[in-house]
Amino acid sequence: MSKVLGVVFGLCAALSLAACGFRPLYATGTTPEGMSSYFSQVFVEPIPGRQGVHLRNQLMDALTPQGTPGSAAYRLTIKLEDVKEGLAIQANTQITRYNYSLTAKYELRDSVSGEVLDRGTTRAIAAYNVVDSQFATQSAERDAQDRAAREVGEDIRLRLGLYFENRFGSKT
């Protein structure tokens, strides 16, 4: 009996999602040629600094896994700001935990006209501990920086996907 209820519930859930207009963002049927056709036309401008290089590489892997487009229709520019602030402070004023905050302001431009098509700001926070070993602390800090860059990159990718979906997606 419970198996039948599970099947009925699953069918009801599927029908209700179809009725509300839900469409997976990255599915190939969502836009005329799928989201990857738009992502592959985005050139990610170089971003200064270690975090910029890491973020750009991650975005290039996510948006254009086949390689940088020769003549891109869009240009993505990103400006980064990062802040490291002490979070846990002991009585002797020694900081034992930091929050690393990475903020990215991005603009998607038309390559031909230079018109700004989409812009936004995204932010990620990653924490790390300070330990007795300087090497371990530096490794933890780099890991926090890399996690924040990954999170920012994924958010930018999602926001670009939403932009392309709203602009070119099927209107059903």
C-alpha atoms as a PDB file:
ATOM      1  CA  MET A   1       0.000   0.000   0.000  1.00  0.00           C
ATOM      2  CA  SER A   2       2.782   2.443   0.895  1.00  0.00           C
ATOM      3  CA  LYS A   3       4.484   1.733  -2.451  1.00  0.00           C
ATOM      4  CA  VAL A   4       1.319   2.729  -4.300  1.00  0.00           C
ATOM      5  CA  LEU A   5       1.030   5.916  -2.232  1.00  0.00           C
ATOM      6  CA  GLY A   6       4.659   6.757  -3.051  1.00  0.00           C
ATOM      7  CA  VAL A   7       4.031   6.346  -6.783  1.00  0.00           C
ATOM      8  CA  VAL A   8       0.840   8.420  -6.603  1.00  0.00           C
ATOM      9  CA  PHE A   9       2.638  11.123  -4.619  1.00  0.00           C
ATOM     10  CA  GLY A  10       5.512  11.181  -7.151  1.00  0.00           C
ATOM     11  CA  LEU A  11       3.100  11.541 -10.066  1.00  0.00           C
ATOM     12  CA  CYS A  12       1.215  14.324  -8.311  1.00  0.00           C
ATOM     13  CA  ALA A  13       4.471  16.165  -7.594  1.00  0.00           C
ATOM     14  CA  ALA A  14       5.596  15.829 -11.216  1.00  0.00           C
ATOM     15  CA  LEU A  15       2.260  17.073 -12.536  1.00  0.00           C
ATOM     16  CA  SER A  16       2.169  20.022 -10.156  1.00  0.00           C
ATOM     17  CA  LEU A  17       5.703  21.076 -11.184  1.00  0.00           C
ATOM     18  CA  ALA A  18       4.746  20.826 -14.853  1.00  0.00           C
ATOM     19  CA  ALA A  19       1.588  22.849 -14.247  1.00  0.00           C
ATOM     20  CA  CYS A  20       3.429  25.707 -12.514  1.00  0.00           C
ATOM     21  CA  GLY A  21       5.777  26.285 -15.446  1.00  0.00           C
ATOM     22  CA  PHE A  22       8.911  24.919 -13.743  1.00  0.00           C
ATOM     23  CA  ARG A  23      11.757  24.378 -16.207  1.00  0.00           C
ATOM     24  CA  PRO A  24      15.297  23.265 -15.349  1.00  0.00           C
ATOM     25  CA  LEU A  25      17.658  26.153 -16.092  1.00  0.00           C
ATOM     26  CA  TYR A  26      20.466  24.139 -17.685  1.00  0.00           C
ATOM     27  CA  ALA A  27      18.304  21.693 -19.648  1.00  0.00           C
ATOM     28  CA  THR A  28      18.829  21.823 -23.412  1.00  0.00           C
ATOM     29  CA  GLY A  29      15.106  22.317 -24.001  1.00  0.00           C
ATOM     30  CA  THR A  30      14.974  25.402 -21.766  1.00  0.00           C
ATOM     31  CA  THR A  31      16.437  27.756 -24.351  1.00  0.00           C
ATOM     32  CA  PRO A  32      16.505  27.212 -28.111  1.00  0.00           C
ATOM     33  CA  GLU A  33      19.984  25.615 -28.053  1.00  0.00           C
ATOM     34  CA  GLY A  34      20.551  25.095 -24.355  1.00  0.00           C
ATOM     35  CA  MET A  35      22.363  27.310 -21.875  1.00  0.00           C
ATOM     36  CA  SER A  36      25.810  26.109 -22.947  1.00  0.00           C
ATOM     37  CA  SER A  37      25.347  27.779 -26.335  1.00  0.00           C
ATOM     38  CA  TYR A  38      25.167  31.160 -24.581  1.00  0.00           C
ATOM     39  CA  PHE A  39      27.860  30.423 -22.001  1.00  0.00           C
ATOM     40  CA  SER A  40      30.251  29.428 -24.796  1.00  0.00           C
ATOM     41  CA  GLN A  41      29.972  32.961 -26.224  1.00  0.00           C
ATOM     42  CA  VAL A  42      31.206  34.657 -23.033  1.00  0.00           C
ATOM     43  CA  PHE A  43      34.798  35.866 -22.805  1.00  0.00           C
ATOM     44  CA  VAL A  44      35.930  36.323 -19.197  1.00  0.00           C
ATOM     45  CA  GLU A  45      38.264  39.319 -18.974  1.00  0.00           C
ATOM     46  CA  PRO A  46      41.461  38.841 -16.915  1.00  0.00           C
ATOM     47  CA  ILE A  47      40.971  39.639 -13.219  1.00  0.00           C
ATOM     48  CA  PRO A  48      43.978  40.971 -11.270  1.00  0.00           C
ATOM     49  CA  GLY A  49      45.433  39.164  -8.257  1.00  0.00           C
ATOM     50  CA  ARG A  50      45.686  35.541  -7.133  1.00  0.00           C
ATOM     51  CA  GLN A  51      41.980  35.319  -6.353  1.00  0.00           C
ATOM     52  CA  GLY A  52      41.181  36.899  -9.704  1.00  0.00           C
ATOM     53  CA  VAL A  53      43.199  34.298 -11.572  1.00  0.00           C
ATOM     54  CA  HIS A  54      41.548  31.508  -9.580  1.00  0.00           C
ATOM     55  CA  LEU A  55      38.046  32.900 -10.185  1.00  0.00           C
ATOM     56  CA  ARG A  56      38.662  33.497 -13.896  1.00  0.00           C
ATOM     57  CA  ASN A  57      39.977  29.968 -14.394  1.00  0.00           C
ATOM     58  CA  GLN A  58      36.991  28.532 -12.587  1.00  0.00           C
ATOM     59  CA  LEU A  59      34.547  30.603 -14.655  1.00  0.00           C
ATOM     60  CA  MET A  60      36.287  29.679 -17.900  1.00  0.00           C
ATOM     61  CA  ASP A  61      36.020  25.987 -16.967  1.00  0.00           C
ATOM     62  CA  ALA A  62      32.331  26.399 -16.108  1.00  0.00           C
ATOM     63  CA  LEU A  63      31.281  28.627 -19.005  1.00  0.00           C
ATOM     64  CA  THR A  64      33.593  27.624 -21.845  1.00  0.00           C
ATOM     65  CA  PRO A  65      34.951  24.112 -21.187  1.00  0.00           C
ATOM     66  CA  GLN A  66      35.744  23.741 -24.915  1.00  0.00           C
ATOM     67  CA  GLY A  67      38.167  26.679 -24.744  1.00  0.00           C
ATOM     68  CA  THR A  68      38.078  30.444 -24.933  1.00  0.00           C
ATOM     69  CA  PRO A  69      35.874  31.656 -27.793  1.00  0.00           C
ATOM     70  CA  GLY A  70      37.707  33.331 -30.676  1.00  0.00           C
ATOM     71  CA  SER A  71      35.029  35.928 -31.323  1.00  0.00           C
ATOM     72  CA  ALA A  72      32.861  36.140 -28.231  1.00  0.00           C
ATOM     73  CA  ALA A  73      29.463  37.827 -28.340  1.00  0.00           C
ATOM     74  CA  TYR A  74      29.744  38.827 -24.666  1.00  0.00           C
ATOM     75  CA  ARG A  75      32.477  40.095 -22.363  1.00  0.00           C
ATOM     76  CA  LEU A  76      32.367  39.513 -18.621  1.00  0.00           C
ATOM     77  CA  THR A  77      34.323  41.919 -16.423  1.00  0.00           C
ATOM     78  CA  ILE A  78      34.721  41.350 -12.700  1.00  0.00           C
ATOM     79  CA  LYS A  79      36.140  43.524  -9.940  1.00  0.00           C
ATOM     80  CA  LEU A  80      37.035  41.830  -6.674  1.00  0.00           C
ATOM     81  CA  GLU A  81      37.304  43.132  -3.134  1.00  0.00           C
ATOM     82  CA  ASP A  82      38.433  40.901  -0.308  1.00  0.00           C
ATOM     83  CA  VAL A  83      38.476  41.455   3.429  1.00  0.00           C
ATOM     84  CA  LYS A  84      39.937  39.372   6.230  1.00  0.00           C
ATOM     85  CA  GLU A  85      38.543  40.088   9.682  1.00  0.00           C
ATOM     86  CA  GLY A  86      39.195  38.535  13.042  1.00  0.00           C
ATOM     87  CA  LEU A  87      36.247  36.591  14.368  1.00  0.00           C
ATOM     88  CA  ALA A  88      37.410  34.842  17.534  1.00  0.00           C
ATOM     89  CA  ILE A  89      39.692  36.850  19.783  1.00  0.00           C
ATOM     90  CA  GLN A  90      41.158  35.427  22.971  1.00  0.00           C
ATOM     91  CA  ALA A  91      41.656  37.364  26.193  1.00  0.00           C
ATOM     92  CA  ASN A  92      45.318  37.976  25.253  1.00  0.00           C
ATOM     93  CA  THR A  93      44.065  39.648  21.999  1.00  0.00           C
ATOM     94  CA  GLN A  94      45.292  36.770  19.851  1.00  0.00           C
ATOM     95  CA  ILE A  95      42.955  36.061  16.919  1.00  0.00           C
ATOM     96  CA  THR A  96      42.154  32.373  16.527  1.00  0.00           C
ATOM     97  CA  ARG A  97      39.578  32.483  13.724  1.00  0.00           C
ATOM     98  CA  TYR A  98      39.138  34.682  10.663  1.00  0.00           C
ATOM     99  CA  ASN A  99      36.337  35.315   8.225  1.00  0.00           C
ATOM    100  CA  TYR A 100      37.476  35.813   4.656  1.00  0.00           C
ATOM    101  CA  SER A 101      34.967  37.762   2.585  1.00  0.00           C
ATOM    102  CA  LEU A 102      35.154  37.984  -1.210  1.00  0.00           C
ATOM    103  CA  THR A 103      32.884  40.436  -3.047  1.00  0.00           C
ATOM    104  CA  ALA A 104      32.626  40.452  -6.837  1.00  0.00           C
ATOM    105  CA  LYS A 105      31.003  43.139  -8.950  1.00  0.00           C
ATOM    106  CA  TYR A 106      30.417  41.878 -12.465  1.00  0.00           C
ATOM    107  CA  GLU A 107      29.181  43.287 -15.759  1.00  0.00           C
ATOM    108  CA  LEU A 108      28.173  41.367 -18.859  1.00  0.00           C
ATOM    109  CA  ARG A 109      28.628  43.502 -21.966  1.00  0.00           C
ATOM    110  CA  ASP A 110      27.805  43.098 -25.603  1.00  0.00           C
ATOM    111  CA  SER A 111      31.170  42.695 -27.378  1.00  0.00           C
ATOM    112  CA  VAL A 112      30.155  44.805 -30.361  1.00  0.00           C
ATOM    113  CA  SER A 113      28.258  47.727 -28.845  1.00  0.00           C
ATOM    114  CA  GLY A 114      29.814  47.671 -25.370  1.00  0.00           C
ATOM    115  CA  GLU A 115      26.315  47.987 -23.895  1.00  0.00           C
ATOM    116  CA  VAL A 116      25.958  46.637 -20.346  1.00  0.00           C
ATOM    117  CA  LEU A 117      23.461  43.781 -20.568  1.00  0.00           C
ATOM    118  CA  ASP A 118      23.591  42.553 -16.983  1.00  0.00           C
ATOM    119  CA  ARG A 119      25.373  43.538 -13.799  1.00  0.00           C
ATOM    120  CA  GLY A 120      25.369  42.464 -10.231  1.00  0.00           C
ATOM    121  CA  THR A 121      27.228  41.942  -7.004  1.00  0.00           C
ATOM    122  CA  THR A 122      27.807  38.678  -5.212  1.00  0.00           C
ATOM    123  CA  ARG A 123      29.618  37.862  -2.000  1.00  0.00           C
ATOM    124  CA  ALA A 124      30.931  34.773  -0.265  1.00  0.00           C
ATOM    125  CA  ILE A 125      32.327  34.301   3.229  1.00  0.00           C
ATOM    126  CA  ALA A 126      34.631  31.475   4.264  1.00  0.00           C
ATOM    127  CA  ALA A 127      36.109  31.013   7.725  1.00  0.00           C
ATOM    128  CA  TYR A 128      39.366  29.439   8.829  1.00  0.00           C
ATOM    129  CA  ASN A 129      41.182  28.802  12.099  1.00  0.00           C
ATOM    130  CA  VAL A 130      44.588  30.041  13.193  1.00  0.00           C
ATOM    131  CA  VAL A 131      46.694  27.253  14.657  1.00  0.00           C
ATOM    132  CA  ASP A 132      50.215  26.974  16.062  1.00  0.00           C
ATOM    133  CA  SER A 133      51.666  25.912  12.714  1.00  0.00           C
ATOM    134  CA  GLN A 134      52.203  28.861  10.381  1.00  0.00           C
ATOM    135  CA  PHE A 135      52.121  26.536   7.361  1.00  0.00           C
ATOM    136  CA  ALA A 136      48.785  25.029   8.434  1.00  0.00           C
ATOM    137  CA  THR A 137      47.313  28.489   9.016  1.00  0.00           C
ATOM    138  CA  GLN A 138      48.452  29.700   5.583  1.00  0.00           C
ATOM    139  CA  SER A 139      47.041  26.540   3.989  1.00  0.00           C
ATOM    140  CA  ALA A 140      43.731  27.082   5.769  1.00  0.00           C
ATOM    141  CA  GLU A 141      43.653  30.704   4.627  1.00  0.00           C
ATOM    142  CA  ARG A 142      44.294  29.737   1.000  1.00  0.00           C
ATOM    143  CA  ASP A 143      41.626  27.063   1.221  1.00  0.00           C
ATOM    144  CA  ALA A 144      39.136  29.638   2.532  1.00  0.00           C
ATOM    145  CA  GLN A 145      40.057  31.987  -0.315  1.00  0.00           C
ATOM    146  CA  ASP A 146      39.587  29.209  -2.876  1.00  0.00           C
ATOM    147  CA  ARG A 147      36.226  28.189  -1.379  1.00  0.00           C
ATOM    148  CA  ALA A 148      35.010  31.781  -1.493  1.00  0.00           C
ATOM    149  CA  ALA A 149      36.131  32.139  -5.129  1.00  0.00           C
ATOM    150  CA  ARG A 150      34.335  28.904  -6.081  1.00  0.00           C
ATOM    151  CA  GLU A 151      31.161  30.085  -4.399  1.00  0.00           C
ATOM    152  CA  VAL A 152      31.323  33.485  -6.096  1.00  0.00           C
ATOM    153  CA  GLY A 153      31.993  31.829  -9.457  1.00  0.00           C
ATOM    154  CA  GLU A 154      29.030  29.484  -9.113  1.00  0.00           C
ATOM    155  CA  ASP A 155      26.782  32.385  -8.176  1.00  0.00           C
ATOM    156  CA  ILE A 156      27.919  34.429 -11.182  1.00  0.00           C
ATOM    157  CA  ARG A 157      27.333  31.435 -13.448  1.00  0.00           C
ATOM    158  CA  LEU A 158      23.830  30.988 -12.055  1.00  0.00           C
ATOM    159  CA  ARG A 159      23.045  34.691 -12.457  1.00  0.00           C
ATOM    160  CA  LEU A 160      24.273  34.661 -16.057  1.00  0.00           C
ATOM    161  CA  GLY A 161      22.139  31.595 -16.693  1.00  0.00           C
ATOM    162  CA  LEU A 162      19.097  33.421 -15.348  1.00  0.00           C
ATOM    163  CA  TYR A 163      19.903  36.430 -17.520  1.00  0.00           C
ATOM    164  CA  PHE A 164      20.154  34.307 -20.669  1.00  0.00           C
ATOM    165  CA  GLU A 165      17.010  32.380 -19.728  1.00  0.00           C
ATOM    166  CA  ASN A 166      15.036  35.607 -19.228  1.00  0.00           C
ATOM    167  CA  ARG A 167      16.341  37.113 -22.446  1.00  0.00           C
ATOM    168  CA  PHE A 168      16.332  34.126 -24.808  1.00  0.00           C
ATOM    169  CA  GLY A 169      14.411  31.348 -23.047  1.00  0.00           C
ATOM    170  CA  SER A 170      11.151  29.937 -24.297  1.00  0.00           C
ATOM    171  CA  LYS A 171       8.161  31.992 -23.157  1.00  0.00           C
ATOM    172  CA  THR A 172       5.777  29.108 -22.483  1.00  0.00           C
END
